[in-house]
Amino acid sequence: MRTVVFDLDGTLADTSADLIAAANVCFGLMGQGRPLDPVADALVAFGGGRAMLRLGYSRLGMTWTEANIDAQYPVLLEAYEQAIAVHSALYPGAVQAVQVLRAAGYATAICTNKPERLAVMLCDHLGISNLFGALLGADTLPVRKPDPAHFFETVRRAGGDPARSLLIGDTITDRDTARAAGVPIILVGFGPEGQGVERLTPDALLHHYDDLPALVDRFLPA
């Protein structure tokens, strides 16, 4: 079965403001205020919790080590879980595009480096859990993106064929995952980096979800 695999944060949904807010909780508890900006720092949010913490420490001029990052990471996750979908929203047309793909016989799945439990929680909040045949998070397997095994297992659990699959994403991690798996990569041009993702030389750039079904058909013909 032809399979379309999606990244979650920055691809299906803009989650940056809630991620930044969770990181700011950590610094607030240290009495350091809110050093991260939900708009200006949106791109770093999709680099993960640890990337946000590193940026916050550096911006505040605080001395830190990876041990400090490790200590604050569970605090960040707890804060994020408590307010996981306050500002997060699906990108326009995302639901309709996935529905069209499924109606056309494609399997659909999510492969994310967000912890699985939080990814499931977010999808439930956004009302999209029933649109995907599989969801694998950062901790579902011993490996995660850009290891291609993470992608391959996602396709397998969705009932698909890796040889007839592709990945929709928004970062260099997604690009590298697809290249390692030997599948096409489509990057979205409406995330925090906008058209700047062209520098990653994807196989195609998605400007709006309305264009996705035709684009997928081009790479995965019946």
Foldseek 3Di string as FASTA:
>chain_A
DFAEEEADDQFFKPQQQLLLVLLQVLCVVVVNGRQDDSQVCSVQSLVDNLSSNVVSCVSSVHDDDVVVSVVCVVSSVVSCLVPVVPPMATAPPSQVLLVVCVVVPYAYEYAYQAQQVSVVVNCVVHVNPVSHQYYDYNPNDPHGFLPLVSVCVRQVSSVHDLVNYEYEEADLRRVSSCVNSVAAYEYEQPGSCHPVCVVSVGPYYHDGSVCPVVVSCVRRPD
